[in-house]
Amino acid sequence: MAGALNVFTKSMTAGSTLTIAGGDGVKTITVLCTTDNSAAGGVTITGTLTVGGTAPDGLLLQANQSATISVPNPFCINALTIVTAAASTAKVIAS
């Protein structure tokens, strides 16, 4: 039998930030925007990798939209920031 896998769950309130770092050991993360202040807000997910000289910008999720980010073994997600706007909430599951 394989080893146990820890799972992180978080309900994010309006105006909060969650930062994932390489040392956290996260290989997969799913973010669901649950409310978005009538499309005036939402949840922004931003990575740190620059590709071809282009810096990242945020991926905006509106209500009932989700995104899953994963990396292959043996790697972990190095740096990722999740921010809920005012009056916006989210659910996060990571492992």
N, C-alpha and C. Protein backbone atom coordinates (compact mmCIF):
# COMPACT_ATOMS: atom_id res chain seq x y z
N MET A 1 0.84 -1.18 0.00
CA MET A 1 0.00 0.00 0.00
C MET A 1 0.88 1.24 0.00
N ALA A 2 0.49 2.22 -0.78
CA ALA A 2 1.25 3.47 -0.87
C ALA A 2 1.06 4.30 0.39
N GLY A 3 1.92 5.31 0.57
CA GLY A 3 1.84 6.19 1.72
C GLY A 3 0.62 7.08 1.69
N ALA A 4 0.38 7.74 2.81
CA ALA A 4 -0.76 8.64 2.95
C ALA A 4 -0.49 9.96 2.24
N LEU A 5 -1.54 10.59 1.76
CA LEU A 5 -1.45 11.88 1.09
C LEU A 5 -2.22 12.91 1.91
N ASN A 6 -1.55 13.97 2.31
CA ASN A 6 -2.21 15.04 3.04
C ASN A 6 -2.97 15.93 2.08
N VAL A 7 -4.11 16.46 2.53
CA VAL A 7 -4.95 17.34 1.71
C VAL A 7 -5.21 18.62 2.49
N PHE A 8 -5.09 19.76 1.79
CA PHE A 8 -5.34 21.08 2.37
C PHE A 8 -6.68 21.57 1.85
N THR A 9 -7.53 22.08 2.74
CA THR A 9 -8.81 22.67 2.34
C THR A 9 -8.93 24.03 3.00
N LYS A 10 -9.49 24.99 2.28
CA LYS A 10 -9.60 26.36 2.81
C LYS A 10 -10.80 27.06 2.19
N SER A 11 -11.61 27.67 3.02
CA SER A 11 -12.65 28.58 2.57
C SER A 11 -12.09 29.98 2.70
N MET A 12 -11.90 30.67 1.58
CA MET A 12 -11.33 32.01 1.60
C MET A 12 -12.44 33.05 1.69
N THR A 13 -12.30 33.98 2.59
CA THR A 13 -13.27 35.05 2.76
C THR A 13 -12.89 36.23 1.86
N ALA A 14 -13.77 37.19 1.77
CA ALA A 14 -13.53 38.37 0.92
C ALA A 14 -12.27 39.11 1.35
N GLY A 15 -11.50 39.53 0.36
CA GLY A 15 -10.30 40.30 0.62
C GLY A 15 -9.15 39.55 1.25
N SER A 16 -9.09 38.24 1.06
CA SER A 16 -8.00 37.47 1.66
C SER A 16 -7.01 36.98 0.61
N THR A 17 -5.83 36.59 1.08
CA THR A 17 -4.75 36.14 0.20
C THR A 17 -4.20 34.82 0.73
N LEU A 18 -3.94 33.91 -0.19
CA LEU A 18 -3.29 32.64 0.14
C LEU A 18 -2.08 32.50 -0.78
N THR A 19 -0.92 32.27 -0.20
CA THR A 19 0.30 32.11 -0.98
C THR A 19 0.81 30.69 -0.85
N ILE A 20 1.07 30.06 -1.98
CA ILE A 20 1.64 28.71 -2.02
C ILE A 20 3.12 28.85 -2.34
N ALA A 21 3.98 28.22 -1.56
CA ALA A 21 5.42 28.26 -1.78
C ALA A 21 5.93 26.84 -2.05
N GLY A 22 7.09 26.76 -2.67
CA GLY A 22 7.66 25.46 -3.01
C GLY A 22 7.82 24.53 -1.82
N GLY A 23 8.16 25.09 -0.68
CA GLY A 23 8.35 24.29 0.52
C GLY A 23 7.07 23.70 1.08
N ASP A 24 5.91 24.15 0.57
CA ASP A 24 4.63 23.62 1.05
C ASP A 24 4.36 22.22 0.51
N GLY A 25 5.04 21.84 -0.57
CA GLY A 25 4.88 20.49 -1.12
C GLY A 25 3.62 20.28 -1.93
N VAL A 26 2.98 21.35 -2.40
CA VAL A 26 1.73 21.24 -3.16
C VAL A 26 2.01 20.81 -4.60
N LYS A 27 1.36 19.75 -5.02
CA LYS A 27 1.50 19.25 -6.39
C LYS A 27 0.28 19.57 -7.26
N THR A 28 -0.88 19.69 -6.62
CA THR A 28 -2.13 20.00 -7.33
C THR A 28 -2.96 20.93 -6.46
N ILE A 29 -3.55 21.94 -7.11
CA ILE A 29 -4.43 22.85 -6.39
C ILE A 29 -5.63 23.19 -7.27
N THR A 30 -6.81 23.18 -6.67
CA THR A 30 -8.03 23.58 -7.37
C THR A 30 -8.65 24.73 -6.61
N VAL A 31 -9.04 25.77 -7.35
CA VAL A 31 -9.66 26.96 -6.77
C VAL A 31 -11.03 27.14 -7.41
N LEU A 32 -12.07 27.27 -6.59
CA LEU A 32 -13.43 27.54 -7.05
C LEU A 32 -13.86 28.89 -6.52
N CYS A 33 -14.24 29.80 -7.40
CA CYS A 33 -14.80 31.08 -6.99
C CYS A 33 -16.27 30.83 -6.66
N THR A 34 -16.66 31.09 -5.41
CA THR A 34 -18.03 30.81 -5.00
C THR A 34 -18.94 32.03 -5.10
N THR A 35 -18.41 33.22 -4.86
CA THR A 35 -19.16 34.47 -5.07
C THR A 35 -18.21 35.52 -5.65
N ASP A 36 -18.76 36.44 -6.45
CA ASP A 36 -17.88 37.42 -7.11
C ASP A 36 -18.43 38.85 -7.08
N ASN A 37 -19.30 39.16 -6.14
CA ASN A 37 -19.84 40.52 -6.00
C ASN A 37 -20.50 40.99 -7.30
N SER A 38 -21.38 40.17 -7.84
CA SER A 38 -22.11 40.48 -9.08
C SER A 38 -21.17 40.80 -10.24
N ALA A 39 -20.14 39.99 -10.38
CA ALA A 39 -19.12 40.09 -11.45
C ALA A 39 -18.22 41.31 -11.31
N ALA A 40 -18.26 41.99 -10.17
CA ALA A 40 -17.39 43.14 -9.96
C ALA A 40 -16.07 42.74 -9.30
N GLY A 41 -15.97 41.50 -8.91
CA GLY A 41 -14.76 41.03 -8.23
C GLY A 41 -14.33 39.69 -8.77
N GLY A 42 -14.19 38.74 -7.88
CA GLY A 42 -13.77 37.40 -8.27
C GLY A 42 -12.52 36.99 -7.52
N VAL A 43 -11.86 35.97 -8.07
CA VAL A 43 -10.65 35.43 -7.48
C VAL A 43 -9.55 35.51 -8.53
N THR A 44 -8.40 36.02 -8.14
CA THR A 44 -7.26 36.13 -9.05
C THR A 44 -6.18 35.17 -8.61
N ILE A 45 -5.69 34.37 -9.57
CA ILE A 45 -4.60 33.42 -9.34
C ILE A 45 -3.41 33.90 -10.16
N THR A 46 -2.26 34.08 -9.51
CA THR A 46 -1.08 34.58 -10.20
C THR A 46 0.14 33.73 -9.88
N GLY A 47 0.83 33.30 -10.92
CA GLY A 47 2.09 32.58 -10.76
C GLY A 47 3.25 33.56 -10.87
N THR A 48 4.47 33.03 -10.88
CA THR A 48 5.65 33.90 -10.92
C THR A 48 6.57 33.64 -12.11
N LEU A 49 6.28 32.62 -12.90
CA LEU A 49 7.16 32.26 -14.01
C LEU A 49 7.06 33.29 -15.13
N THR A 50 8.21 33.75 -15.62
CA THR A 50 8.27 34.63 -16.79
C THR A 50 8.59 33.76 -18.00
N VAL A 51 7.80 33.91 -19.07
CA VAL A 51 7.97 33.10 -20.28
C VAL A 51 8.30 34.03 -21.44
N GLY A 52 9.44 33.80 -22.08
CA GLY A 52 9.83 34.61 -23.23
C GLY A 52 9.90 36.09 -22.93
N GLY A 53 10.28 36.43 -21.72
CA GLY A 53 10.37 37.83 -21.33
C GLY A 53 9.05 38.45 -20.90
N THR A 54 7.98 37.66 -20.91
CA THR A 54 6.66 38.17 -20.53
C THR A 54 6.35 37.77 -19.09
N ALA A 55 6.11 38.76 -18.25
CA ALA A 55 5.76 38.51 -16.85
C ALA A 55 4.32 38.01 -16.76
N PRO A 56 4.01 37.23 -15.73
CA PRO A 56 2.65 36.72 -15.58
C PRO A 56 1.67 37.82 -15.17
N ASP A 57 0.41 37.64 -15.54
CA ASP A 57 -0.65 38.45 -14.99
C ASP A 57 -1.66 37.48 -14.38
N GLY A 58 -2.64 37.99 -13.71
CA GLY A 58 -3.55 37.13 -12.98
C GLY A 58 -4.61 36.48 -13.85
N LEU A 59 -4.98 35.27 -13.47
CA LEU A 59 -6.11 34.56 -14.07
C LEU A 59 -7.31 34.87 -13.19
N LEU A 60 -8.32 35.53 -13.76
CA LEU A 60 -9.49 35.95 -12.99
C LEU A 60 -10.62 34.93 -13.12
N LEU A 61 -11.08 34.42 -11.98
CA LEU A 61 -12.22 33.51 -11.94
C LEU A 61 -13.43 34.28 -11.45
N GLN A 62 -14.56 34.11 -12.11
CA GLN A 62 -15.83 34.68 -11.68
C GLN A 62 -16.63 33.59 -10.96
N ALA A 63 -17.79 33.92 -10.43
CA ALA A 63 -18.61 32.97 -9.67
C ALA A 63 -18.84 31.68 -10.44
N ASN A 64 -18.66 30.56 -9.76
CA ASN A 64 -18.86 29.21 -10.28
C ASN A 64 -17.82 28.79 -11.33
N GLN A 65 -16.74 29.53 -11.46
CA GLN A 65 -15.63 29.12 -12.31
C GLN A 65 -14.53 28.56 -11.43
N SER A 66 -13.80 27.58 -11.98
CA SER A 66 -12.70 26.99 -11.22
C SER A 66 -11.49 26.79 -12.11
N ALA A 67 -10.36 26.60 -11.48
CA ALA A 67 -9.12 26.30 -12.19
C ALA A 67 -8.35 25.29 -11.37
N THR A 68 -7.70 24.35 -12.07
CA THR A 68 -6.84 23.37 -11.42
C THR A 68 -5.45 23.50 -12.02
N ILE A 69 -4.47 23.56 -11.15
CA ILE A 69 -3.07 23.65 -11.57
C ILE A 69 -2.35 22.46 -10.95
N SER A 70 -1.60 21.72 -11.76
CA SER A 70 -0.87 20.58 -11.23
C SER A 70 0.49 20.47 -11.92
N VAL A 71 1.40 19.82 -11.23
CA VAL A 71 2.73 19.57 -11.77
C VAL A 71 3.03 18.08 -11.64
N PRO A 72 3.87 17.53 -12.53
CA PRO A 72 4.19 16.10 -12.45
C PRO A 72 5.15 15.81 -11.29
N ASN A 73 5.12 14.57 -10.82
CA ASN A 73 6.10 14.11 -9.83
C ASN A 73 7.48 14.17 -10.45
N PRO A 74 8.50 14.51 -9.76
CA PRO A 74 8.59 14.75 -8.31
C PRO A 74 8.49 16.23 -7.95
N PHE A 75 7.96 17.06 -8.84
CA PHE A 75 7.96 18.51 -8.65
C PHE A 75 6.81 18.98 -7.76
N CYS A 76 6.97 20.20 -7.21
CA CYS A 76 5.93 20.89 -6.44
C CYS A 76 5.72 22.27 -7.06
N ILE A 77 4.53 22.82 -6.87
CA ILE A 77 4.27 24.19 -7.33
C ILE A 77 5.18 25.11 -6.52
N ASN A 78 5.95 25.94 -7.23
CA ASN A 78 6.96 26.77 -6.56
C ASN A 78 6.37 28.02 -5.92
N ALA A 79 5.58 28.78 -6.67
CA ALA A 79 5.03 30.02 -6.12
C ALA A 79 3.72 30.37 -6.83
N LEU A 80 2.68 30.58 -6.04
CA LEU A 80 1.36 30.87 -6.58
C LEU A 80 0.62 31.71 -5.54
N THR A 81 -0.05 32.76 -6.00
CA THR A 81 -0.81 33.61 -5.08
C THR A 81 -2.27 33.64 -5.51
N ILE A 82 -3.15 33.45 -4.53
CA ILE A 82 -4.60 33.46 -4.76
C ILE A 82 -5.18 34.59 -3.93
N VAL A 83 -5.93 35.50 -4.58
CA VAL A 83 -6.49 36.66 -3.89
C VAL A 83 -7.99 36.75 -4.18
N THR A 84 -8.79 36.88 -3.13
CA THR A 84 -10.22 37.12 -3.30
C THR A 84 -10.47 38.61 -3.22
N ALA A 85 -11.25 39.13 -4.15
CA ALA A 85 -11.59 40.56 -4.15
C ALA A 85 -12.63 40.84 -3.06
N ALA A 86 -12.93 42.11 -2.87
CA ALA A 86 -13.96 42.51 -1.92
C ALA A 86 -15.28 41.85 -2.28
N ALA A 87 -15.96 41.30 -1.30
CA ALA A 87 -17.26 40.63 -1.46
C ALA A 87 -17.16 39.39 -2.34
N SER A 88 -15.98 38.81 -2.50
CA SER A 88 -15.81 37.57 -3.27
C SER A 88 -15.24 36.50 -2.34
N THR A 89 -15.64 35.26 -2.57
CA THR A 89 -15.17 34.15 -1.74
C THR A 89 -14.73 33.00 -2.63
N ALA A 90 -13.98 32.06 -2.04
CA ALA A 90 -13.47 30.93 -2.81
C ALA A 90 -13.30 29.71 -1.92
N LYS A 91 -13.24 28.55 -2.55
CA LYS A 91 -12.91 27.28 -1.90
C LYS A 91 -11.62 26.78 -2.55
N VAL A 92 -10.69 26.29 -1.73
CA VAL A 92 -9.41 25.80 -2.23
C VAL A 92 -9.18 24.40 -1.70
N ILE A 93 -8.75 23.51 -2.60
CA ILE A 93 -8.34 22.15 -2.22
C ILE A 93 -6.97 21.92 -2.83
N ALA A 94 -6.02 21.49 -2.03
CA ALA A 94 -4.67 21.25 -2.52
C ALA A 94 -4.10 19.97 -1.92
N SER A 95 -3.20 19.36 -2.66
CA SER A 95 -2.49 18.18 -2.13
C SER A 95 -1.11 18.14 -2.72
